[in-house]
Structures are given as structure tokens and as C-alpha cells.
Amino acid sequence: MSRPGPVRPDGAALLDGVRRRLAESGAEPTPARVAQALREQGRVLGDAEVLGTAERLRSELVGTGPLEPLLADPSVTDVLVSAPDRVWVDRGGGLEPTSVTFPDAAAVRRLAQRLAAVAGRRLDDARPWADARLPDGTRLHAVLPPVAVGCTCLSLRVVRPKAFTLDELVRAGTVPPGGDLFLRALLSARLSFLISGGTGSGKTTLLSALLGLVGPGERIVLAEDSAELRPEHPHVVRLETRPANQEGAGLVTLEDLVRQALRMRPDRLVVGEVRGPEVVHLLAALNTGHEGGCGTVHANTAADVPARLEALGTAAGLDRAALHSQLAAALSVVLHLVRDRDGRRRIAEVHVLERDGAGWVRTVPALRWGTRAFRPERGWERLRVLLGGAGGDAAGGA
């Protein structure tokens, strides 16, 4: 995509004037209307300058401004703006600085506010942050000054139009050689599982790929804060939360969605990210015949998942003993993802759940990452039993 041409030294004032006139009239920034707005300001420019100004205004008022070339790059997963001259991207190998710049901090703020408005979110001094999904699926997060010191901070996470396949994840190194056999067996055995990991570790990517392995005759119902899961499957029902309007009405929570999903005859109930009171309804569902349910959860290690769920359940009013009783019966496997120093994402460990002598649930390592295959750990035999003996070739050498 070509970049707009340069603007003369007084171009900032020129653009502001044209921007105001077009905003007042509600007109589309076509070359003809830009030329008219320039004439009304007593400016006479050549055809090339008019076209350059129109392109720049269209990008700012309709597109994503200077960020358009970055978001159009299929290798980019994240675009981060922390200052007018500090724009970063992630192409899967860690953050990289770019040469893209904004004219000033006000331009970053304008873009953030316009994108928030497109997503139906309010972003101003009274509500200085927004978390939303743009119409094309891109995840938007923005924070305005003075909460963000110095300049508006803008984070855009690009959602791939088509989910990765499991074979692609093996080739990318997210899944070790032979690990796809275990993952296919996990889905076939209809075991309930959670994918844990930190932000940006690839939880949603892996979950989308795994849901694509579900049999075509099964009905998948997704409940998400922001609709990011894009499984390649013929029967997917997608539910998404909704914030309250300016009058405080219309709020739809993830807890609401999980309750509704249970009434929609799901063969697989999926919670995009378990992060609040919905954990209570999810565990109850997995204990009442809804096999094969799954989701993601933020955790530092697989061993931390029971404590994370305990904290969420306690906040929702479920006492510790009841939570652990439900957890022991509801959940079978935890897949934990990490992102190494080179930015590569991989399944670091697979744990099974068991109760200790006091009755509390803990996780037991069953498989660990290996360069040639998963390495079996002490919980592997228990996992093999849960899988019905399938997926045995997943564990091999280091």
C-alpha cells in the first residue's frame, strides 16, 4: 500500500482546516470535496497535493491512518503505539520498532477515539480507556492521558481471518513433532481441558486450531468477552458480551452468556477466557453431562491453574471445598503455553488433575516439551488411561 505524499510545512494547519470543514458538513473526503475545502480556505494546490491531502484525510477519517500498512501485513499479529514516534509490531518473533510515525500526540488520540467510536465504545476524559473489537475482528485497547502518561497508548491485536491448522502449529514449533497425535486423541476422548498461559502466548490460536478438530456433527457454542475464536468448523454458535450503554443499561456479562449457552444444546461448551464468576457455571456444566468443554485461563504455570480457579470461584461466592470438588470432577487436562525469549510460542507442559490427601485439587505433569517429541512425566500413565490408550506415540525422546 502506498503512503500518502508529503504535505507542505504548513500542512498540519491545512489538514486541520480541511478536517474541520469536512466534519461540519459530514462530507466524505473525496478529492473534489478536499479541493473545495482548500479553496474555501484560500489555498490553491496542484493536483498531486490535492490527491495526497485527500488520501491522508481518508486514511485518518476512515481507515487506521499511518497504521494501515502495518495492519495490512499478514505477518503482523500486534501493533502497539506508545508515542507519536514509537510504533511497534509483533510478527511472531517479539516486538520490533517501525519507522511509522504520527504528526503529534493529538493525532494518536484522534485515531484512538475514532476507532473506539467505530466499535461502539466511549473514549474521553470521563472514560479514559476502552477495550473493544473492531468490525473486522481486530482487538482494540486504548488509554488516554493523563492515565497514560505523555501520549495515548494504543494496542491493536490482529485476528487472523482463518484459524491456524494443527499441522501449521506443528510446523511453526508450537506443537512438538508427534504432539498432534496426543491433541487429536484429547479431542476424540472428549476430555475437558483448559489452555493456560500468559498474555500473547497463543492460547486463542491453539484453542481455535483444536476446535477445528471437533467432529462436524457436533455443535460448538462459544462464549467470549471479545469474539476472537475463529475455528474452522461447520457448526459454531458465537456469543459475545456487551457493555452497558451510557444510561447503564444493556450489560451482558460472560456469566450471562455461559448460562444462555447451556440452554442452546451445546456438544462443546467453550469459554474464550475464564476470568470471573462464569467459572461457577462452567464447572457446574462440565459436571452435568457437558463433556469436552474447554477454554483458556491466564496463569504463570499449569500448576497455578487450580489456585487461579479457586480465586475466581471464591470471588463468585463458591467456597473452597465446593470449588475443588467440582473442579476434580469437571476438568481433566491443562495445556500450558509459554513464549520464549525469541518470541516463539510453544506448549511447554501438559498436566492432569488429581486430589491430594487433604482433598484439594492439584496438577501433575504428564508431558513436557521436547525438541523431538513430548517427554513423558509421572502423570503420563494416568493421562493415557484418560485418553483410552490413544495418543501413545505423542511421548517420545527429548
Protein backbone atom coordinates (compact mmCIF):
# COMPACT_ATOMS: atom_id res chain seq x y z
CA MET A 1 0.00 0.00 0.00
CA SER A 2 1.43 3.38 -0.95
CA ARG A 3 1.92 6.02 1.69
CA PRO A 4 0.33 9.49 1.30
CA GLY A 5 2.63 12.05 -0.24
CA PRO A 6 4.35 14.78 1.75
CA VAL A 7 2.47 17.86 2.82
CA ARG A 8 3.95 21.36 2.80
CA PRO A 9 5.43 22.86 6.00
CA ASP A 10 2.08 24.45 6.86
CA GLY A 11 0.37 21.12 6.16
CA ALA A 12 -0.72 20.46 9.74
CA ALA A 13 -2.78 23.66 9.86
CA LEU A 14 -4.01 22.95 6.35
CA LEU A 15 -5.22 19.48 7.28
CA ASP A 16 -6.86 20.75 10.45
CA GLY A 17 -8.81 23.32 8.44
CA VAL A 18 -9.94 20.79 5.85
CA ARG A 19 -10.77 18.28 8.59
CA ARG A 20 -12.98 20.81 10.38
CA ARG A 21 -14.87 21.75 7.22
CA LEU A 22 -15.48 18.15 6.23
CA ALA A 23 -16.59 17.28 9.78
CA GLU A 24 -19.03 20.20 9.83
CA SER A 25 -20.55 19.17 6.52
CA GLY A 26 -20.38 15.42 7.18
CA ALA A 27 -18.87 15.01 3.72
CA GLU A 28 -16.76 12.09 2.54
CA PRO A 29 -13.12 13.23 1.99
CA THR A 30 -13.16 12.75 -1.79
CA PRO A 31 -10.57 14.63 -3.88
CA ALA A 32 -13.27 17.00 -5.18
CA ARG A 33 -14.50 17.89 -1.67
CA VAL A 34 -10.96 18.28 -0.38
CA ALA A 35 -10.19 20.67 -3.26
CA GLN A 36 -13.35 22.62 -2.45
CA ALA A 37 -12.42 22.81 1.23
CA LEU A 38 -8.95 24.03 0.25
CA ARG A 39 -10.41 26.74 -1.99
CA GLU A 40 -12.68 27.88 0.83
CA GLN A 41 -9.53 28.43 2.88
CA GLY A 42 -7.98 30.46 0.08
CA ARG A 43 -5.45 27.71 -0.70
CA VAL A 44 -4.59 26.75 -4.26
CA LEU A 45 -2.71 23.47 -4.62
CA GLY A 46 -1.70 21.32 -7.54
CA ASP A 47 -3.42 18.07 -8.42
CA ALA A 48 -0.73 15.94 -6.74
CA GLU A 49 -1.01 17.88 -3.47
CA VAL A 50 -4.81 17.68 -3.50
CA LEU A 51 -4.69 13.91 -4.05
CA GLY A 52 -2.07 13.49 -1.32
CA THR A 53 -4.15 15.52 1.12
CA ALA A 54 -7.31 13.57 0.23
CA GLU A 55 -5.54 10.23 0.72
CA ARG A 56 -4.13 11.30 4.05
CA LEU A 57 -7.51 12.53 5.27
CA ARG A 58 -9.30 9.39 4.07
CA SER A 59 -6.77 7.24 5.93
CA GLU A 60 -7.24 9.30 9.09
CA LEU A 61 -11.01 9.67 8.94
CA VAL A 62 -11.98 6.26 7.58
CA GLY A 63 -9.00 3.89 7.94
CA THR A 64 -6.34 3.49 10.59
CA GLY A 65 -4.07 6.32 9.47
CA PRO A 66 -0.34 5.59 9.44
CA LEU A 67 -1.02 2.13 10.88
CA GLU A 68 -2.81 0.86 7.75
CA PRO A 69 0.30 -0.64 6.08
CA LEU A 70 1.20 -2.46 9.30
CA LEU A 71 -2.27 -3.91 9.82
CA ALA A 72 -2.38 -4.98 6.16
CA ASP A 73 0.80 -7.05 6.63
CA PRO A 74 -0.36 -10.68 7.09
CA SER A 75 2.66 -11.46 9.28
CA VAL A 76 1.78 -8.81 11.90
CA THR A 77 -0.14 -10.00 14.97
CA ASP A 78 0.10 -6.88 17.17
CA VAL A 79 0.55 -3.15 16.60
CA LEU A 80 1.45 -1.03 19.63
CA VAL A 81 1.65 2.77 19.82
CA SER A 82 3.20 4.37 22.90
CA ALA A 83 4.17 7.77 21.42
CA PRO A 84 3.83 9.57 18.06
CA ASP A 85 7.27 8.32 17.05
CA ARG A 86 7.18 4.97 18.86
CA VAL A 87 5.19 2.36 16.97
CA TRP A 88 5.97 -1.32 17.45
CA VAL A 89 4.82 -4.53 15.78
CA ASP A 90 4.99 -8.21 16.60
CA ARG A 91 5.42 -10.66 13.74
CA GLY A 92 5.71 -13.70 15.98
CA GLY A 93 9.33 -13.17 16.94
CA GLY A 94 8.98 -10.46 19.59
CA LEU A 95 8.44 -6.72 19.35
CA GLU A 96 10.12 -4.75 16.57
CA PRO A 97 10.28 -0.94 16.22
CA THR A 98 8.93 0.52 12.97
CA SER A 99 9.57 3.72 11.04
CA VAL A 100 5.88 4.67 11.19
CA THR A 101 5.15 7.98 12.94
CA PHE A 102 2.21 10.23 13.76
CA PRO A 103 2.34 14.03 13.35
CA ASP A 104 1.81 14.54 17.10
CA ALA A 105 0.15 13.10 20.21
CA ALA A 106 -3.18 14.67 19.23
CA ALA A 107 -3.22 12.54 16.07
CA VAL A 108 -2.80 9.36 18.13
CA ARG A 109 -5.65 10.45 20.41
CA ARG A 110 -7.94 11.22 17.46
CA LEU A 111 -7.31 7.81 15.93
CA ALA A 112 -7.92 6.00 19.23
CA GLN A 113 -11.18 7.88 19.82
CA ARG A 114 -12.43 7.28 16.29
CA LEU A 115 -11.66 3.54 16.44
CA ALA A 116 -13.39 3.31 19.83
CA ALA A 117 -16.44 5.05 18.37
CA VAL A 118 -16.48 2.61 15.43
CA ALA A 119 -16.52 -0.23 17.98
CA GLY A 120 -19.37 1.41 19.88
CA ARG A 121 -17.25 2.39 22.88
CA ARG A 122 -16.89 5.71 24.64
CA LEU A 123 -13.35 7.08 24.98
CA ASP A 124 -12.91 10.55 26.51
CA ASP A 125 -11.68 12.28 29.64
CA ALA A 126 -14.57 10.85 31.68
CA ARG A 127 -13.86 7.29 30.45
CA PRO A 128 -10.15 7.30 29.55
CA TRP A 129 -9.79 3.68 28.42
CA ALA A 130 -11.57 1.34 26.05
CA ASP A 131 -11.37 -2.37 25.27
CA ALA A 132 -13.33 -3.42 22.20
CA ARG A 133 -13.44 -5.37 18.96
CA LEU A 134 -13.45 -3.56 15.62
CA PRO A 135 -15.81 -4.71 12.84
CA ASP A 136 -13.00 -6.66 11.12
CA GLY A 137 -12.27 -8.57 14.34
CA THR A 138 -9.19 -6.57 15.38
CA ARG A 139 -8.94 -6.26 19.17
CA LEU A 140 -8.58 -2.63 20.31
CA HIS A 141 -7.31 -1.33 23.62
CA ALA A 142 -6.66 2.37 24.20
CA VAL A 143 -5.78 4.53 27.21
CA LEU A 144 -5.87 8.34 27.13
CA PRO A 145 -3.71 10.81 29.10
CA PRO A 146 -3.35 11.61 31.92
CA VAL A 147 -3.88 7.92 32.79
CA ALA A 148 -1.41 7.12 30.00
CA VAL A 149 1.46 9.47 30.74
CA GLY A 150 2.51 11.70 27.85
CA CYS A 151 0.56 10.17 24.98
CA THR A 152 -2.41 7.97 24.21
CA CYS A 153 -1.41 4.29 24.27
CA LEU A 154 -2.99 2.22 21.53
CA SER A 155 -2.84 -1.57 21.22
CA LEU A 156 -4.26 -3.45 18.25
CA ARG A 157 -4.29 -7.25 18.07
CA VAL A 158 -4.99 -8.59 14.60
CA VAL A 159 -7.29 -11.60 14.41
CA ARG A 160 -6.33 -13.95 11.61
CA PRO A 161 -9.31 -14.36 9.22
CA LYS A 162 -8.68 -18.09 9.09
CA ALA A 163 -7.59 -20.19 12.06
CA PHE A 164 -4.24 -21.98 12.02
CA THR A 165 -4.48 -25.69 11.45
CA LEU A 166 -2.85 -28.14 13.83
CA ASP A 167 -0.37 -29.11 11.10
CA GLU A 168 0.63 -25.44 10.76
CA LEU A 169 1.22 -25.23 14.51
CA VAL A 170 3.46 -28.31 14.32
CA ARG A 171 5.46 -26.70 11.51
CA ALA A 172 5.69 -23.44 13.47
CA GLY A 173 7.07 -25.28 16.51
CA THR A 174 4.12 -24.56 18.81
CA VAL A 175 3.41 -28.29 18.96
CA PRO A 176 6.39 -30.72 19.02
CA PRO A 177 6.68 -33.48 16.43
CA GLY A 178 4.10 -36.17 17.16
CA GLY A 179 2.29 -33.90 19.62
CA ASP A 180 -0.60 -33.58 17.20
CA LEU A 181 -1.42 -37.26 17.85
CA PHE A 182 -1.95 -36.52 21.53
CA LEU A 183 -4.06 -33.42 20.82
CA ARG A 184 -6.27 -35.31 18.36
CA ALA A 185 -6.72 -38.06 20.96
CA LEU A 186 -7.60 -35.41 23.57
CA LEU A 187 -10.45 -34.13 21.39
CA SER A 188 -11.62 -37.62 20.44
CA ALA A 189 -11.77 -38.70 24.09
CA ARG A 190 -13.99 -35.68 24.85
CA LEU A 191 -11.87 -34.71 27.85
CA SER A 192 -12.50 -31.28 29.35
CA PHE A 193 -9.42 -29.08 29.28
CA LEU A 194 -8.10 -25.58 29.83
CA ILE A 195 -5.31 -23.85 27.95
CA SER A 196 -3.25 -21.70 30.31
CA GLY A 197 -0.50 -19.16 29.72
CA GLY A 198 0.37 -15.51 29.79
CA THR A 199 -0.79 -12.70 27.53
CA GLY A 200 0.27 -13.24 23.93
CA SER A 201 1.35 -16.84 24.48
CA GLY A 202 -1.01 -18.16 21.80
CA LYS A 203 -3.89 -19.56 23.88
CA THR A 204 -6.62 -18.40 21.49
CA THR A 205 -4.66 -19.58 18.45
CA LEU A 206 -4.22 -23.07 19.86
CA LEU A 207 -7.83 -23.32 21.04
CA SER A 208 -9.15 -22.29 17.60
CA ALA A 209 -6.98 -24.95 15.96
CA LEU A 210 -8.16 -27.65 18.38
CA LEU A 211 -11.82 -26.77 17.91
CA GLY A 212 -11.31 -27.31 14.21
CA LEU A 213 -10.67 -30.99 15.03
CA VAL A 214 -14.09 -31.46 16.61
CA GLY A 215 -16.36 -33.75 14.61
CA PRO A 216 -18.54 -31.96 12.05
CA GLY A 217 -21.68 -33.40 13.62
CA GLU A 218 -21.04 -31.63 16.94
CA ARG A 219 -22.42 -28.21 17.90
CA ILE A 220 -19.87 -25.80 19.39
CA VAL A 221 -21.16 -22.85 21.43
CA LEU A 222 -18.60 -20.13 22.14
CA ALA A 223 -18.96 -17.56 24.95
CA GLU A 224 -16.39 -14.75 24.76
CA ASP A 225 -15.71 -11.28 26.05
CA SER A 226 -14.41 -10.38 22.61
CA ALA A 227 -15.15 -12.72 19.69
CA GLU A 228 -11.64 -13.84 18.78
CA LEU A 229 -12.02 -17.60 18.31
CA ARG A 230 -12.35 -18.49 14.62
CA PRO A 231 -12.49 -22.29 14.45
CA GLU A 232 -12.77 -23.93 11.04
CA HIS A 233 -15.93 -25.87 11.85
CA PRO A 234 -19.34 -26.08 10.17
CA HIS A 235 -21.48 -25.66 13.30
CA VAL A 236 -20.32 -22.85 15.56
CA VAL A 237 -22.58 -20.53 17.59
CA ARG A 238 -20.76 -17.40 18.77
CA LEU A 239 -21.89 -15.34 21.76
CA GLU A 240 -20.19 -12.10 22.78
CA THR A 241 -20.52 -9.89 25.86
CA ARG A 242 -21.83 -6.33 25.64
CA PRO A 243 -21.02 -3.31 27.83
CA ALA A 244 -23.69 -1.17 29.41
CA ASN A 245 -24.80 1.90 27.47
CA GLN A 246 -24.38 5.45 28.73
CA GLU A 247 -27.54 5.05 30.83
CA GLY A 248 -26.06 1.97 32.50
CA ALA A 249 -28.47 -0.45 30.83
CA GLY A 250 -27.93 -3.36 28.47
CA LEU A 251 -24.95 -5.00 30.15
CA VAL A 252 -24.38 -8.64 29.09
CA THR A 253 -21.68 -10.46 31.05
CA LEU A 254 -19.74 -13.62 30.33
CA GLU A 255 -21.64 -15.24 33.20
CA ASP A 256 -24.89 -14.42 31.36
CA LEU A 257 -23.54 -15.97 28.17
CA VAL A 258 -22.49 -19.21 29.85
CA ARG A 259 -25.98 -19.58 31.33
CA GLN A 260 -27.57 -18.98 27.93
CA ALA A 261 -25.13 -21.31 26.19
CA LEU A 262 -26.22 -24.18 28.43
CA ARG A 263 -29.76 -23.82 27.03
CA MET A 264 -28.55 -23.99 23.42
CA ARG A 265 -27.81 -27.72 23.32
CA PRO A 266 -24.03 -27.46 23.06
CA ASP A 267 -21.99 -30.57 22.32
CA ARG A 268 -18.94 -28.50 23.26
CA LEU A 269 -19.25 -25.51 25.58
CA VAL A 270 -16.28 -23.16 25.14
CA VAL A 271 -15.43 -20.11 27.26
CA GLY A 272 -12.91 -17.94 25.45
CA GLU A 273 -11.28 -16.82 28.69
CA VAL A 274 -12.30 -17.86 32.20
CA ARG A 275 -11.81 -14.70 34.23
CA GLY A 276 -14.74 -14.19 36.61
CA PRO A 277 -17.98 -15.58 38.09
CA GLU A 278 -18.65 -17.62 34.94
CA VAL A 279 -16.24 -20.22 36.35
CA VAL A 280 -19.03 -21.39 38.68
CA HIS A 281 -21.48 -22.07 35.82
CA LEU A 282 -18.77 -23.59 33.64
CA LEU A 283 -17.71 -26.11 36.29
CA ALA A 284 -21.34 -26.92 37.03
CA ALA A 285 -21.97 -27.52 33.32
CA LEU A 286 -18.94 -29.79 32.95
CA ASN A 287 -20.27 -31.82 35.88
CA THR A 288 -23.71 -32.29 34.35
CA GLY A 289 -23.05 -34.15 31.12
CA HIS A 290 -21.39 -31.45 29.02
CA GLU A 291 -18.24 -33.37 28.15
CA GLY A 292 -15.41 -31.96 26.12
CA GLY A 293 -15.83 -28.38 27.31
CA CYS A 294 -12.80 -26.13 27.20
CA GLY A 295 -11.47 -22.60 27.47
CA THR A 296 -8.45 -20.52 28.35
CA VAL A 297 -7.19 -19.01 31.58
CA HIS A 298 -4.33 -16.70 32.49
CA ALA A 299 -1.77 -18.49 34.70
CA ASN A 300 2.01 -18.47 35.09
CA THR A 301 2.28 -22.28 35.09
CA ALA A 302 -0.04 -25.25 34.75
CA ALA A 303 0.44 -25.92 38.46
CA ASP A 304 -1.05 -22.48 39.22
CA VAL A 305 -4.36 -23.19 37.46
CA PRO A 306 -6.22 -24.70 40.49
CA ALA A 307 -5.27 -21.68 42.62
CA ARG A 308 -6.37 -19.31 39.84
CA LEU A 309 -9.75 -21.02 39.53
CA GLU A 310 -10.08 -21.11 43.31
CA ALA A 311 -9.59 -17.35 43.46
CA LEU A 312 -12.21 -16.79 40.76
CA GLY A 313 -14.67 -19.17 42.42
CA THR A 314 -14.20 -17.61 45.85
CA ALA A 315 -14.85 -14.15 44.41
CA ALA A 316 -18.08 -15.54 42.94
CA GLY A 317 -19.22 -16.88 46.32
CA LEU A 318 -18.27 -20.56 45.93
CA ASP A 319 -16.45 -21.90 48.99
CA ARG A 320 -13.10 -23.61 48.58
CA ALA A 321 -14.24 -27.16 49.33
CA ALA A 322 -17.13 -26.96 46.85
CA LEU A 323 -14.89 -25.45 44.19
CA HIS A 324 -12.31 -28.21 44.48
CA SER A 325 -15.00 -30.90 44.47
CA GLN A 326 -16.45 -29.55 41.23
CA LEU A 327 -13.02 -28.96 39.73
CA ALA A 328 -11.90 -32.53 40.38
CA ALA A 329 -14.93 -33.93 38.56
CA ALA A 330 -15.12 -31.33 35.79
CA LEU A 331 -11.62 -30.79 34.45
CA SER A 332 -9.14 -33.39 33.20
CA VAL A 333 -6.21 -31.70 31.44
CA VAL A 334 -4.30 -28.41 31.40
CA LEU A 335 -2.22 -27.41 28.36
CA HIS A 336 0.25 -24.69 29.28
CA LEU A 337 1.75 -22.34 26.68
CA VAL A 338 4.82 -20.16 27.05
CA ARG A 339 6.53 -17.61 24.88
CA ASP A 340 10.31 -17.88 24.93
CA ARG A 341 12.82 -15.04 24.73
CA ASP A 342 12.85 -15.25 20.93
CA GLY A 343 9.09 -14.69 20.86
CA ARG A 344 8.29 -18.26 19.83
CA ARG A 345 5.17 -19.84 21.33
CA ARG A 346 5.10 -23.50 22.37
CA ILE A 347 3.23 -25.97 24.56
CA ALA A 348 5.63 -26.16 27.48
CA GLU A 349 3.77 -28.75 29.56
CA VAL A 350 0.64 -30.85 29.83
CA HIS A 351 -0.78 -31.64 33.28
CA VAL A 352 -3.53 -33.91 34.57
CA LEU A 353 -5.54 -33.14 37.69
CA GLU A 354 -5.75 -35.21 40.87
CA ARG A 355 -6.71 -34.74 44.51
CA ASP A 356 -4.11 -34.71 47.27
CA GLY A 357 -4.52 -36.31 50.69
CA ALA A 358 -6.43 -33.30 52.01
CA GLY A 359 -8.90 -33.39 49.13
CA TRP A 360 -7.54 -30.35 47.29
CA VAL A 361 -7.02 -30.50 43.54
CA ARG A 362 -3.50 -30.22 42.19
CA THR A 363 -1.96 -30.73 38.80
CA VAL A 364 0.54 -33.45 37.93
CA PRO A 365 2.98 -33.12 35.00
CA ALA A 366 2.18 -35.67 32.28
CA LEU A 367 4.10 -34.32 29.26
CA ARG A 368 6.83 -31.72 28.82
CA TRP A 369 8.16 -30.01 25.75
CA GLY A 370 10.90 -31.79 23.86
CA THR A 371 12.57 -30.84 20.59
CA ARG A 372 11.79 -34.23 19.00
CA ALA A 373 8.60 -35.11 20.91
CA PHE A 374 6.80 -34.56 24.20
CA ARG A 375 8.72 -36.06 27.12
CA PRO A 376 6.59 -38.25 29.42
CA GLU A 377 6.38 -37.32 33.11
CA ARG A 378 4.93 -39.16 36.09
CA GLY A 379 1.34 -38.28 35.17
CA TRP A 380 1.62 -39.77 31.67
CA GLU A 381 0.18 -43.18 32.57
CA ARG A 382 -2.86 -41.52 34.14
CA LEU A 383 -3.28 -39.39 31.03
CA ARG A 384 -3.03 -42.49 28.82
CA VAL A 385 -5.86 -44.05 30.79
CA LEU A 386 -8.00 -40.90 30.35
CA LEU A 387 -7.29 -40.98 26.62
CA GLY A 388 -8.37 -44.59 26.43
CA GLY A 389 -4.87 -45.64 25.40
CA ALA A 390 -4.86 -43.34 22.34
CA GLY A 391 -2.13 -40.84 21.56
CA GLY A 392 0.60 -43.12 22.89
CA ASP A 393 3.10 -42.08 20.21
CA ALA A 394 2.92 -38.46 21.42
CA ALA A 395 5.51 -39.11 24.12
CA GLY A 396 8.99 -39.96 22.94
CA GLY A 397 12.57 -38.74 23.13
CA ALA A 398 13.85 -35.41 24.34
